Amino acid sequence: MAFQVAYSQELDSNKNPGKGRLMIEPTLELVNRDFGKGSFLGYAYQLGIGYNLRINARIGGYPGIGLYTLNQSASVLENNFLGGIFEDARFKESGVLIYHTFHLHRRFMVSPELGFGLLQLIHGESPSRFILNYNRLFGGLGLSYVLIKDKNGVYDVNLIVRGGYGGLNGSEIIINQSDRSYVRRATDIQGSLGIQISFH
């Protein structure tokens, strides 16, 4: 009987290490983003590698909440809407997400997520900046592997690989009716690689 209870507790611990503990998880990621073709965003910009800084908080075994800020530079390609005025642009996005982490093994985890962000496309410098604003709704999936486990159980260092798909809506952008759907709406695919420190 005692053996069965101990074995059950060990099995539960292996599946859900840290269950019931508060976990704070800052993450720094390199991000690659590709906008769907057939939209203004997919046609007018050549994006470089960006970086994403996010911080998650959760109670082990329960869904968590995260905040993020993403920065990415882009070259402006020849197009009919910006008139050749700008050569480059900055993509700045910030938002909130909810996620849930499932342990596949003591060192492997998977985390589906759903979030909402505000994306700004900034062209030029103040005071003559030109800004396009988009809302972004997205879903994603993260895979993480524990690289380092602190022997005192204070923190883990994790390698994170993440992918996501989003829909963008720039409903506040003023443009003629025939081009509204082309300019205001887009989809994107993101992939990222990063390091996370999980304090618990």
N, C-alpha and C. Protein backbone atom coordinates (compact mmCIF):
# COMPACT_ATOMS: atom_id res chain seq x y z
N MET A 1 0.83 -1.20 0.00
CA MET A 1 0.00 0.00 0.00
C MET A 1 0.87 1.26 0.00
N ALA A 2 1.85 1.31 0.92
CA ALA A 2 2.74 2.46 1.01
C ALA A 2 3.53 2.61 -0.28
N PHE A 3 3.96 1.48 -0.85
CA PHE A 3 4.71 1.51 -2.10
C PHE A 3 3.86 2.08 -3.23
N GLN A 4 2.58 1.69 -3.27
CA GLN A 4 1.69 2.18 -4.32
C GLN A 4 1.49 3.68 -4.21
N VAL A 5 1.30 4.19 -2.99
CA VAL A 5 1.11 5.62 -2.78
C VAL A 5 2.37 6.38 -3.18
N ALA A 6 3.52 5.89 -2.77
CA ALA A 6 4.78 6.55 -3.09
C ALA A 6 5.02 6.56 -4.60
N TYR A 7 4.72 5.43 -5.24
CA TYR A 7 4.90 5.32 -6.69
C TYR A 7 3.96 6.29 -7.41
N SER A 8 2.71 6.39 -6.92
CA SER A 8 1.75 7.29 -7.53
C SER A 8 2.20 8.74 -7.40
N GLN A 9 2.73 9.11 -6.22
CA GLN A 9 3.20 10.47 -6.01
C GLN A 9 4.40 10.78 -6.90
N GLU A 10 5.29 9.80 -7.05
CA GLU A 10 6.46 10.00 -7.89
C GLU A 10 6.05 10.16 -9.35
N LEU A 11 5.08 9.36 -9.79
CA LEU A 11 4.60 9.45 -11.16
C LEU A 11 3.97 10.81 -11.41
N ASP A 12 3.16 11.28 -10.47
CA ASP A 12 2.54 12.59 -10.61
C ASP A 12 3.59 13.69 -10.63
N SER A 13 4.64 13.56 -9.81
CA SER A 13 5.71 14.54 -9.78
C SER A 13 6.46 14.58 -11.10
N ASN A 14 6.66 13.40 -11.70
CA ASN A 14 7.35 13.34 -12.98
C ASN A 14 6.54 14.01 -14.08
N LYS A 15 5.21 13.84 -14.03
CA LYS A 15 4.36 14.43 -15.05
C LYS A 15 4.15 15.91 -14.83
N ASN A 16 4.12 16.36 -13.58
CA ASN A 16 3.82 17.75 -13.24
C ASN A 16 4.80 18.28 -12.21
N PRO A 17 6.10 18.33 -12.54
CA PRO A 17 7.05 18.88 -11.57
C PRO A 17 6.73 20.35 -11.29
N GLY A 18 6.80 20.74 -10.02
CA GLY A 18 6.49 22.11 -9.65
C GLY A 18 5.01 22.40 -9.51
N LYS A 19 4.16 21.38 -9.50
CA LYS A 19 2.72 21.61 -9.42
C LYS A 19 2.38 22.39 -8.15
N GLY A 20 1.57 23.44 -8.31
CA GLY A 20 1.16 24.26 -7.18
C GLY A 20 2.11 25.40 -6.86
N ARG A 21 3.27 25.46 -7.51
CA ARG A 21 4.23 26.53 -7.26
C ARG A 21 4.01 27.70 -8.22
N LEU A 22 4.28 28.91 -7.72
CA LEU A 22 4.29 30.08 -8.58
C LEU A 22 5.56 30.06 -9.42
N MET A 23 5.42 30.23 -10.72
CA MET A 23 6.57 30.24 -11.62
C MET A 23 6.58 31.54 -12.42
N ILE A 24 7.72 32.22 -12.41
CA ILE A 24 7.95 33.42 -13.20
C ILE A 24 8.97 33.06 -14.27
N GLU A 25 8.63 33.33 -15.55
CA GLU A 25 9.43 32.79 -16.64
C GLU A 25 9.76 33.86 -17.69
N PRO A 26 10.83 34.64 -17.49
CA PRO A 26 11.27 35.57 -18.54
C PRO A 26 11.92 34.80 -19.69
N THR A 27 11.69 35.29 -20.91
CA THR A 27 12.19 34.61 -22.11
C THR A 27 12.69 35.64 -23.11
N LEU A 28 13.81 35.34 -23.76
CA LEU A 28 14.32 36.15 -24.86
C LEU A 28 14.43 35.25 -26.08
N GLU A 29 13.82 35.69 -27.20
CA GLU A 29 13.75 34.86 -28.40
C GLU A 29 14.16 35.64 -29.64
N LEU A 30 14.78 34.95 -30.59
CA LEU A 30 14.97 35.46 -31.94
C LEU A 30 13.77 35.04 -32.77
N VAL A 31 13.23 35.97 -33.56
CA VAL A 31 11.95 35.73 -34.24
C VAL A 31 12.10 35.93 -35.75
N ASN A 32 11.52 35.02 -36.50
CA ASN A 32 11.37 35.18 -37.95
C ASN A 32 9.88 35.19 -38.27
N ARG A 33 9.45 36.19 -39.03
CA ARG A 33 8.03 36.33 -39.35
C ARG A 33 7.86 36.43 -40.87
N ASP A 34 6.80 35.81 -41.37
CA ASP A 34 6.49 35.87 -42.79
C ASP A 34 5.01 36.18 -42.96
N PHE A 35 4.71 37.27 -43.66
CA PHE A 35 3.32 37.63 -43.92
C PHE A 35 2.80 36.89 -45.14
N GLY A 36 1.51 36.54 -45.09
CA GLY A 36 0.90 35.84 -46.20
C GLY A 36 0.89 36.67 -47.47
N LYS A 37 1.13 36.00 -48.58
CA LYS A 37 1.10 36.70 -49.87
C LYS A 37 -0.34 37.11 -50.19
N GLY A 38 -0.45 38.08 -51.08
CA GLY A 38 -1.77 38.57 -51.43
C GLY A 38 -2.27 39.67 -50.53
N SER A 39 -1.37 40.20 -49.68
CA SER A 39 -1.72 41.32 -48.80
C SER A 39 -0.63 42.38 -48.90
N PHE A 40 -0.96 43.60 -48.49
CA PHE A 40 0.01 44.69 -48.50
C PHE A 40 1.24 44.36 -47.66
N LEU A 41 1.03 43.82 -46.47
CA LEU A 41 2.15 43.51 -45.59
C LEU A 41 3.06 42.44 -46.20
N GLY A 42 2.48 41.49 -46.89
CA GLY A 42 3.28 40.45 -47.51
C GLY A 42 4.02 40.92 -48.75
N TYR A 43 3.53 41.99 -49.37
CA TYR A 43 4.10 42.48 -50.63
C TYR A 43 5.11 43.61 -50.43
N ALA A 44 4.90 44.45 -49.43
CA ALA A 44 5.63 45.72 -49.34
C ALA A 44 6.86 45.69 -48.44
N TYR A 45 7.08 44.61 -47.68
CA TYR A 45 8.17 44.60 -46.71
C TYR A 45 9.00 43.33 -46.80
N GLN A 46 10.31 43.51 -46.62
CA GLN A 46 11.23 42.38 -46.46
C GLN A 46 11.74 42.42 -45.03
N LEU A 47 11.30 41.48 -44.21
CA LEU A 47 11.59 41.53 -42.78
C LEU A 47 12.93 40.88 -42.44
N GLY A 48 13.60 41.47 -41.46
CA GLY A 48 14.80 40.87 -40.90
C GLY A 48 14.45 40.05 -39.67
N ILE A 49 15.46 39.47 -39.05
CA ILE A 49 15.27 38.73 -37.81
C ILE A 49 15.00 39.72 -36.68
N GLY A 50 13.97 39.46 -35.89
CA GLY A 50 13.63 40.32 -34.77
C GLY A 50 13.88 39.64 -33.44
N TYR A 51 13.55 40.33 -32.38
CA TYR A 51 13.67 39.73 -31.05
C TYR A 51 12.39 39.97 -30.26
N ASN A 52 12.08 39.00 -29.42
CA ASN A 52 10.86 39.02 -28.62
C ASN A 52 11.24 38.85 -27.15
N LEU A 53 10.83 39.79 -26.32
CA LEU A 53 11.03 39.69 -24.88
C LEU A 53 9.67 39.46 -24.24
N ARG A 54 9.55 38.38 -23.50
CA ARG A 54 8.26 38.09 -22.87
C ARG A 54 8.49 37.60 -21.45
N ILE A 55 7.46 37.79 -20.63
CA ILE A 55 7.52 37.29 -19.26
C ILE A 55 6.19 36.60 -18.96
N ASN A 56 6.29 35.36 -18.55
CA ASN A 56 5.12 34.55 -18.22
C ASN A 56 5.03 34.34 -16.71
N ALA A 57 3.82 34.15 -16.23
CA ALA A 57 3.60 33.82 -14.82
C ALA A 57 2.50 32.76 -14.75
N ARG A 58 2.73 31.73 -13.95
CA ARG A 58 1.74 30.66 -13.83
C ARG A 58 1.91 29.95 -12.50
N ILE A 59 0.86 29.27 -12.11
CA ILE A 59 0.92 28.32 -11.01
C ILE A 59 1.07 26.94 -11.64
N GLY A 60 2.08 26.19 -11.21
CA GLY A 60 2.34 24.89 -11.81
C GLY A 60 1.10 24.03 -11.87
N GLY A 61 0.78 23.51 -13.06
CA GLY A 61 -0.40 22.68 -13.25
C GLY A 61 -1.63 23.44 -13.70
N TYR A 62 -1.53 24.78 -13.80
CA TYR A 62 -2.67 25.62 -14.19
C TYR A 62 -2.27 26.55 -15.34
N PRO A 63 -3.27 27.08 -16.08
CA PRO A 63 -2.95 28.04 -17.14
C PRO A 63 -2.27 29.28 -16.58
N GLY A 64 -1.46 29.92 -17.43
CA GLY A 64 -0.75 31.12 -17.03
C GLY A 64 -1.04 32.27 -17.97
N ILE A 65 -0.47 33.43 -17.64
CA ILE A 65 -0.64 34.63 -18.45
C ILE A 65 0.74 35.20 -18.76
N GLY A 66 0.87 35.77 -19.94
CA GLY A 66 2.15 36.33 -20.34
C GLY A 66 2.00 37.69 -21.00
N LEU A 67 3.05 38.49 -20.91
CA LEU A 67 3.15 39.78 -21.59
C LEU A 67 4.37 39.73 -22.50
N TYR A 68 4.29 40.38 -23.65
CA TYR A 68 5.43 40.33 -24.57
C TYR A 68 5.59 41.65 -25.31
N THR A 69 6.81 41.88 -25.79
CA THR A 69 7.10 42.98 -26.69
C THR A 69 8.05 42.47 -27.75
N LEU A 70 7.72 42.75 -29.01
CA LEU A 70 8.47 42.22 -30.15
C LEU A 70 8.94 43.38 -31.01
N ASN A 71 10.21 43.35 -31.41
CA ASN A 71 10.77 44.39 -32.27
C ASN A 71 11.44 43.74 -33.48
N GLN A 72 11.20 44.33 -34.64
CA GLN A 72 11.72 43.75 -35.88
C GLN A 72 11.91 44.87 -36.90
N SER A 73 13.01 44.82 -37.63
CA SER A 73 13.25 45.81 -38.68
C SER A 73 12.89 45.23 -40.04
N ALA A 74 12.62 46.10 -41.01
CA ALA A 74 12.22 45.65 -42.33
C ALA A 74 12.67 46.65 -43.39
N SER A 75 12.96 46.13 -44.57
CA SER A 75 13.20 46.98 -45.73
C SER A 75 11.88 47.18 -46.46
N VAL A 76 11.65 48.39 -46.92
CA VAL A 76 10.43 48.69 -47.67
C VAL A 76 10.69 48.41 -49.15
N LEU A 77 9.90 47.51 -49.71
CA LEU A 77 10.03 47.17 -51.12
C LEU A 77 9.23 48.15 -51.98
N GLU A 78 9.51 48.16 -53.25
CA GLU A 78 8.79 49.06 -54.15
C GLU A 78 7.31 48.71 -54.17
N ASN A 79 6.48 49.69 -53.91
CA ASN A 79 5.03 49.47 -53.89
C ASN A 79 4.31 50.78 -54.21
N ASN A 80 3.03 50.67 -54.50
CA ASN A 80 2.26 51.83 -54.94
C ASN A 80 1.68 52.65 -53.80
N PHE A 81 1.77 52.16 -52.57
CA PHE A 81 1.07 52.81 -51.47
C PHE A 81 1.95 53.77 -50.67
N LEU A 82 3.23 53.49 -50.58
CA LEU A 82 4.12 54.34 -49.78
C LEU A 82 4.89 55.33 -50.64
N GLY A 83 4.76 55.23 -51.95
CA GLY A 83 5.30 56.26 -52.84
C GLY A 83 6.81 56.36 -52.90
N GLY A 84 7.53 55.34 -52.46
CA GLY A 84 8.98 55.37 -52.51
C GLY A 84 9.63 56.33 -51.55
N ILE A 85 8.87 56.81 -50.57
CA ILE A 85 9.40 57.81 -49.63
C ILE A 85 10.30 57.17 -48.59
N PHE A 86 9.97 55.95 -48.16
CA PHE A 86 10.69 55.31 -47.06
C PHE A 86 11.50 54.11 -47.57
N GLU A 87 12.66 53.92 -46.97
CA GLU A 87 13.51 52.79 -47.33
C GLU A 87 13.40 51.65 -46.32
N ASP A 88 13.07 51.99 -45.10
CA ASP A 88 12.96 50.95 -44.07
C ASP A 88 11.85 51.29 -43.08
N ALA A 89 11.55 50.32 -42.24
CA ALA A 89 10.48 50.48 -41.25
C ALA A 89 10.81 49.64 -40.03
N ARG A 90 10.16 49.98 -38.93
CA ARG A 90 10.30 49.20 -37.69
C ARG A 90 8.94 48.62 -37.31
N PHE A 91 8.94 47.36 -36.98
CA PHE A 91 7.74 46.67 -36.53
C PHE A 91 7.83 46.54 -35.01
N LYS A 92 6.90 47.15 -34.30
CA LYS A 92 6.87 47.07 -32.84
C LYS A 92 5.51 46.51 -32.42
N GLU A 93 5.55 45.43 -31.67
CA GLU A 93 4.31 44.77 -31.25
C GLU A 93 4.38 44.46 -29.76
N SER A 94 3.28 44.67 -29.08
CA SER A 94 3.18 44.29 -27.67
C SER A 94 1.79 43.73 -27.43
N GLY A 95 1.69 42.82 -26.44
CA GLY A 95 0.40 42.21 -26.20
C GLY A 95 0.39 41.29 -25.00
N VAL A 96 -0.69 40.54 -24.90
CA VAL A 96 -0.93 39.65 -23.77
C VAL A 96 -1.36 38.29 -24.31
N LEU A 97 -1.08 37.24 -23.56
CA LEU A 97 -1.45 35.90 -23.99
C LEU A 97 -1.77 35.03 -22.79
N ILE A 98 -2.54 33.97 -23.05
CA ILE A 98 -2.76 32.93 -22.06
C ILE A 98 -2.19 31.64 -22.61
N TYR A 99 -1.70 30.79 -21.74
CA TYR A 99 -1.05 29.57 -22.18
C TYR A 99 -1.20 28.49 -21.11
N HIS A 100 -0.91 27.27 -21.49
CA HIS A 100 -0.93 26.17 -20.54
C HIS A 100 0.24 25.25 -20.87
N THR A 101 1.02 24.91 -19.87
CA THR A 101 2.19 24.06 -20.06
C THR A 101 1.89 22.64 -19.63
N PHE A 102 2.15 21.70 -20.53
CA PHE A 102 1.98 20.27 -20.26
C PHE A 102 3.34 19.60 -20.31
N HIS A 103 3.62 18.78 -19.31
CA HIS A 103 4.90 18.07 -19.25
C HIS A 103 4.78 16.74 -19.97
N LEU A 104 5.59 16.58 -21.02
CA LEU A 104 5.68 15.29 -21.70
C LEU A 104 6.68 14.39 -21.00
N HIS A 105 7.61 15.01 -20.29
CA HIS A 105 8.69 14.33 -19.58
C HIS A 105 9.23 15.36 -18.61
N ARG A 106 10.08 14.96 -17.70
CA ARG A 106 10.63 15.94 -16.76
C ARG A 106 11.40 17.05 -17.46
N ARG A 107 11.93 16.77 -18.64
CA ARG A 107 12.70 17.78 -19.35
C ARG A 107 12.02 18.32 -20.61
N PHE A 108 10.93 17.72 -21.03
CA PHE A 108 10.23 18.17 -22.24
C PHE A 108 8.85 18.70 -21.88
N MET A 109 8.50 19.88 -22.42
CA MET A 109 7.20 20.49 -22.17
C MET A 109 6.63 21.04 -23.47
N VAL A 110 5.32 21.09 -23.54
CA VAL A 110 4.62 21.70 -24.67
C VAL A 110 3.63 22.73 -24.13
N SER A 111 3.54 23.89 -24.80
CA SER A 111 2.71 24.99 -24.28
C SER A 111 1.89 25.62 -25.41
N PRO A 112 0.62 25.22 -25.58
CA PRO A 112 -0.26 25.95 -26.50
C PRO A 112 -0.61 27.31 -25.92
N GLU A 113 -0.84 28.30 -26.80
CA GLU A 113 -1.12 29.65 -26.33
C GLU A 113 -2.07 30.36 -27.28
N LEU A 114 -2.75 31.36 -26.73
CA LEU A 114 -3.67 32.21 -27.50
C LEU A 114 -3.48 33.64 -27.01
N GLY A 115 -3.34 34.59 -27.95
CA GLY A 115 -3.05 35.94 -27.50
C GLY A 115 -3.57 37.02 -28.42
N PHE A 116 -3.40 38.26 -27.94
CA PHE A 116 -3.84 39.45 -28.67
C PHE A 116 -2.75 40.50 -28.56
N GLY A 117 -2.38 41.12 -29.69
CA GLY A 117 -1.34 42.13 -29.68
C GLY A 117 -1.69 43.34 -30.52
N LEU A 118 -0.95 44.42 -30.29
CA LEU A 118 -1.06 45.66 -31.06
C LEU A 118 0.25 45.85 -31.81
N LEU A 119 0.17 45.91 -33.13
CA LEU A 119 1.35 46.03 -33.99
C LEU A 119 1.40 47.41 -34.61
N GLN A 120 2.56 48.07 -34.49
CA GLN A 120 2.80 49.36 -35.13
C GLN A 120 3.89 49.21 -36.18
N LEU A 121 3.64 49.72 -37.38
CA LEU A 121 4.65 49.81 -38.43
C LEU A 121 5.09 51.26 -38.50
N ILE A 122 6.32 51.52 -38.09
CA ILE A 122 6.81 52.89 -37.97
C ILE A 122 7.77 53.18 -39.11
N HIS A 123 7.44 54.20 -39.89
CA HIS A 123 8.27 54.62 -41.02
C HIS A 123 8.84 55.99 -40.71
N GLY A 124 10.15 56.16 -40.89
CA GLY A 124 10.77 57.46 -40.67
C GLY A 124 10.97 57.78 -39.20
N GLU A 125 11.40 59.01 -38.93
CA GLU A 125 11.69 59.47 -37.58
C GLU A 125 10.83 60.68 -37.25
N SER A 126 10.66 60.93 -35.96
CA SER A 126 9.91 62.11 -35.51
C SER A 126 10.61 63.37 -36.03
N PRO A 127 9.84 64.40 -36.38
CA PRO A 127 8.37 64.53 -36.25
C PRO A 127 7.61 64.10 -37.51
N SER A 128 8.30 63.51 -38.47
CA SER A 128 7.64 63.17 -39.75
C SER A 128 7.42 61.67 -39.88
N ARG A 129 7.12 61.01 -38.79
CA ARG A 129 6.88 59.57 -38.83
C ARG A 129 5.53 59.25 -39.46
N PHE A 130 5.49 58.13 -40.15
CA PHE A 130 4.24 57.61 -40.70
C PHE A 130 4.01 56.24 -40.08
N ILE A 131 2.86 56.06 -39.41
CA ILE A 131 2.62 54.85 -38.63
C ILE A 131 1.34 54.17 -39.10
N LEU A 132 1.43 52.86 -39.28
CA LEU A 132 0.26 52.03 -39.55
C LEU A 132 0.01 51.14 -38.34
N ASN A 133 -1.23 51.07 -37.89
CA ASN A 133 -1.59 50.30 -36.69
C ASN A 133 -2.46 49.10 -37.06
N TYR A 134 -2.10 47.96 -36.48
CA TYR A 134 -2.86 46.72 -36.70
C TYR A 134 -3.13 46.04 -35.36
N ASN A 135 -4.29 45.39 -35.26
CA ASN A 135 -4.56 44.45 -34.17
C ASN A 135 -4.19 43.06 -34.65
N ARG A 136 -3.68 42.23 -33.75
CA ARG A 136 -3.27 40.88 -34.14
C ARG A 136 -3.80 39.87 -33.13
N LEU A 137 -4.55 38.89 -33.63
CA LEU A 137 -5.03 37.77 -32.84
C LEU A 137 -4.26 36.54 -33.30
N PHE A 138 -3.70 35.78 -32.36
CA PHE A 138 -2.82 34.69 -32.77
C PHE A 138 -2.95 33.48 -31.85
N GLY A 139 -2.55 32.36 -32.39
CA GLY A 139 -2.42 31.13 -31.63
C GLY A 139 -1.05 30.54 -31.91
N GLY A 140 -0.55 29.75 -30.98
CA GLY A 140 0.79 29.20 -31.17
C GLY A 140 1.03 27.98 -30.31
N LEU A 141 2.20 27.41 -30.51
CA LEU A 141 2.61 26.23 -29.76
C LEU A 141 4.09 26.33 -29.49
N GLY A 142 4.47 26.16 -28.22
CA GLY A 142 5.87 26.20 -27.83
C GLY A 142 6.34 24.85 -27.32
N LEU A 143 7.56 24.50 -27.69
CA LEU A 143 8.21 23.29 -27.18
C LEU A 143 9.44 23.72 -26.41
N SER A 144 9.63 23.17 -25.24
CA SER A 144 10.78 23.55 -24.43
C SER A 144 11.48 22.33 -23.86
N TYR A 145 12.78 22.49 -23.72
CA TYR A 145 13.64 21.43 -23.18
C TYR A 145 14.47 22.02 -22.06
N VAL A 146 14.51 21.37 -20.91
CA VAL A 146 15.26 21.86 -19.76
C VAL A 146 16.75 21.58 -19.98
N LEU A 147 17.52 22.64 -20.16
CA LEU A 147 18.97 22.51 -20.33
C LEU A 147 19.69 22.37 -19.00
N ILE A 148 19.26 23.18 -18.02
CA ILE A 148 19.91 23.21 -16.71
C ILE A 148 18.85 23.19 -15.62
N LYS A 149 19.01 22.30 -14.67
CA LYS A 149 18.14 22.27 -13.49
C LYS A 149 18.97 22.63 -12.26
N ASP A 150 18.60 23.70 -11.60
CA ASP A 150 19.29 24.10 -10.38
C ASP A 150 19.13 23.02 -9.32
N LYS A 151 20.23 22.62 -8.71
CA LYS A 151 20.18 21.53 -7.73
C LYS A 151 19.36 21.89 -6.50
N ASN A 152 19.18 23.19 -6.24
CA ASN A 152 18.36 23.63 -5.11
C ASN A 152 16.90 23.84 -5.50
N GLY A 153 16.57 23.62 -6.76
CA GLY A 153 15.19 23.74 -7.21
C GLY A 153 14.68 25.16 -7.33
N VAL A 154 15.60 26.14 -7.45
CA VAL A 154 15.18 27.54 -7.52
C VAL A 154 14.83 27.96 -8.95
N TYR A 155 15.53 27.43 -9.92
CA TYR A 155 15.30 27.84 -11.31
C TYR A 155 15.68 26.72 -12.27
N ASP A 156 15.14 26.82 -13.49
CA ASP A 156 15.54 25.99 -14.63
C ASP A 156 15.91 26.92 -15.78
N VAL A 157 16.79 26.45 -16.63
CA VAL A 157 17.10 27.15 -17.88
C VAL A 157 16.61 26.28 -19.02
N ASN A 158 15.72 26.84 -19.85
CA ASN A 158 15.06 26.06 -20.89
C ASN A 158 15.38 26.60 -22.28
N LEU A 159 15.52 25.69 -23.23
CA LEU A 159 15.58 26.04 -24.65
C LEU A 159 14.16 26.03 -25.19
N ILE A 160 13.76 27.11 -25.89
CA ILE A 160 12.39 27.26 -26.37
C ILE A 160 12.36 27.32 -27.90
N VAL A 161 11.51 26.51 -28.49
CA VAL A 161 11.21 26.60 -29.92
C VAL A 161 9.71 26.85 -30.03
N ARG A 162 9.34 27.88 -30.80
CA ARG A 162 7.93 28.27 -30.82
C ARG A 162 7.48 28.58 -32.25
N GLY A 163 6.24 28.25 -32.54
CA GLY A 163 5.64 28.59 -33.82
C GLY A 163 4.24 29.14 -33.60
N GLY A 164 3.79 30.01 -34.50
CA GLY A 164 2.47 30.60 -34.33
C GLY A 164 1.89 31.12 -35.63
N TYR A 165 0.59 31.29 -35.63
CA TYR A 165 -0.15 31.80 -36.80
C TYR A 165 -1.07 32.91 -36.31
N GLY A 166 -1.10 34.03 -37.04
CA GLY A 166 -1.91 35.15 -36.60
C GLY A 166 -2.70 35.79 -37.72
N GLY A 167 -3.76 36.49 -37.33
CA GLY A 167 -4.55 37.29 -38.26
C GLY A 167 -4.48 38.75 -37.85
N LEU A 168 -4.25 39.64 -38.80
CA LEU A 168 -4.09 41.07 -38.53
C LEU A 168 -5.22 41.87 -39.15
N ASN A 169 -5.61 42.93 -38.43
CA ASN A 169 -6.70 43.79 -38.87
C ASN A 169 -6.32 45.24 -38.60
N GLY A 170 -6.21 46.02 -39.67
CA GLY A 170 -5.91 47.44 -39.53
C GLY A 170 -7.12 48.29 -39.85
N SER A 171 -8.17 48.10 -39.10
CA SER A 171 -9.47 48.73 -39.41
C SER A 171 -9.43 50.25 -39.33
N GLU A 172 -8.44 50.82 -38.63
CA GLU A 172 -8.37 52.27 -38.49
C GLU A 172 -7.59 52.93 -39.63
N ILE A 173 -6.98 52.14 -40.50
CA ILE A 173 -6.22 52.70 -41.62
C ILE A 173 -7.19 53.29 -42.64
N ILE A 174 -6.99 54.54 -42.98
CA ILE A 174 -7.87 55.23 -43.92
C ILE A 174 -7.32 55.06 -45.33
N ILE A 175 -8.10 54.44 -46.19
CA ILE A 175 -7.68 54.20 -47.57
C ILE A 175 -8.94 54.00 -48.41
N ASN A 176 -8.81 54.15 -49.72
CA ASN A 176 -9.99 54.02 -50.57
C ASN A 176 -10.58 52.63 -50.47
N GLN A 177 -11.87 52.54 -50.70
CA GLN A 177 -12.62 51.32 -50.44
C GLN A 177 -12.12 50.12 -51.24
N SER A 178 -11.69 50.34 -52.46
CA SER A 178 -11.27 49.21 -53.30
C SER A 178 -10.01 48.53 -52.79
N ASP A 179 -9.20 49.24 -51.99
CA ASP A 179 -7.94 48.67 -51.48
C ASP A 179 -8.00 48.31 -50.01
N ARG A 180 -9.13 48.48 -49.36
CA ARG A 180 -9.19 48.30 -47.91
C ARG A 180 -8.82 46.90 -47.47
N SER A 181 -9.40 45.90 -48.10
CA SER A 181 -9.12 44.53 -47.68
C SER A 181 -7.65 44.19 -47.89
N TYR A 182 -7.08 44.64 -48.99
CA TYR A 182 -5.68 44.37 -49.32
C TYR A 182 -4.73 44.98 -48.30
N VAL A 183 -5.01 46.20 -47.86
CA VAL A 183 -4.11 46.91 -46.95
C VAL A 183 -4.41 46.59 -45.49
N ARG A 184 -5.67 46.47 -45.15
CA ARG A 184 -6.05 46.34 -43.74
C ARG A 184 -5.90 44.93 -43.18
N ARG A 185 -5.97 43.92 -44.02
CA ARG A 185 -5.99 42.54 -43.52
C ARG A 185 -4.77 41.76 -43.99
N ALA A 186 -4.30 40.88 -43.11
CA ALA A 186 -3.15 40.04 -43.44
C ALA A 186 -3.10 38.87 -42.47
N THR A 187 -2.32 37.88 -42.82
CA THR A 187 -2.01 36.77 -41.92
C THR A 187 -0.49 36.69 -41.79
N ASP A 188 -0.04 36.09 -40.72
CA ASP A 188 1.40 35.89 -40.57
C ASP A 188 1.71 34.57 -39.89
N ILE A 189 2.89 34.07 -40.18
CA ILE A 189 3.44 32.89 -39.54
C ILE A 189 4.73 33.31 -38.85
N GLN A 190 4.88 32.90 -37.59
CA GLN A 190 6.09 33.23 -36.84
C GLN A 190 6.77 31.97 -36.35
N GLY A 191 8.09 32.02 -36.35
CA GLY A 191 8.89 30.98 -35.72
C GLY A 191 9.94 31.63 -34.86
N SER A 192 10.26 31.04 -33.72
CA SER A 192 11.24 31.66 -32.83
C SER A 192 12.06 30.61 -32.10
N LEU A 193 13.23 31.04 -31.67
CA LEU A 193 14.14 30.20 -30.90
C LEU A 193 14.70 31.06 -29.77
N GLY A 194 14.66 30.55 -28.55
CA GLY A 194 15.10 31.38 -27.44
C GLY A 194 15.47 30.61 -26.19
N ILE A 195 15.82 31.40 -25.18
CA ILE A 195 16.19 30.87 -23.86
C ILE A 195 15.23 31.43 -22.82
N GLN A 196 14.76 30.54 -21.96
CA GLN A 196 13.85 30.91 -20.88
C GLN A 196 14.45 30.52 -19.55
N ILE A 197 14.31 31.40 -18.57
CA ILE A 197 14.68 31.07 -17.18
C ILE A 197 13.40 30.97 -16.38
N SER A 198 13.17 29.82 -15.80
CA SER A 198 11.95 29.57 -15.03
C SER A 198 12.28 29.58 -13.54
N PHE A 199 11.82 30.63 -12.84
CA PHE A 199 12.03 30.73 -11.40
C PHE A 199 10.82 30.14 -10.67
N HIS A 200 11.07 29.30 -9.68
CA HIS A 200 9.96 28.68 -8.95
C HIS A 200 10.38 28.33 -7.52
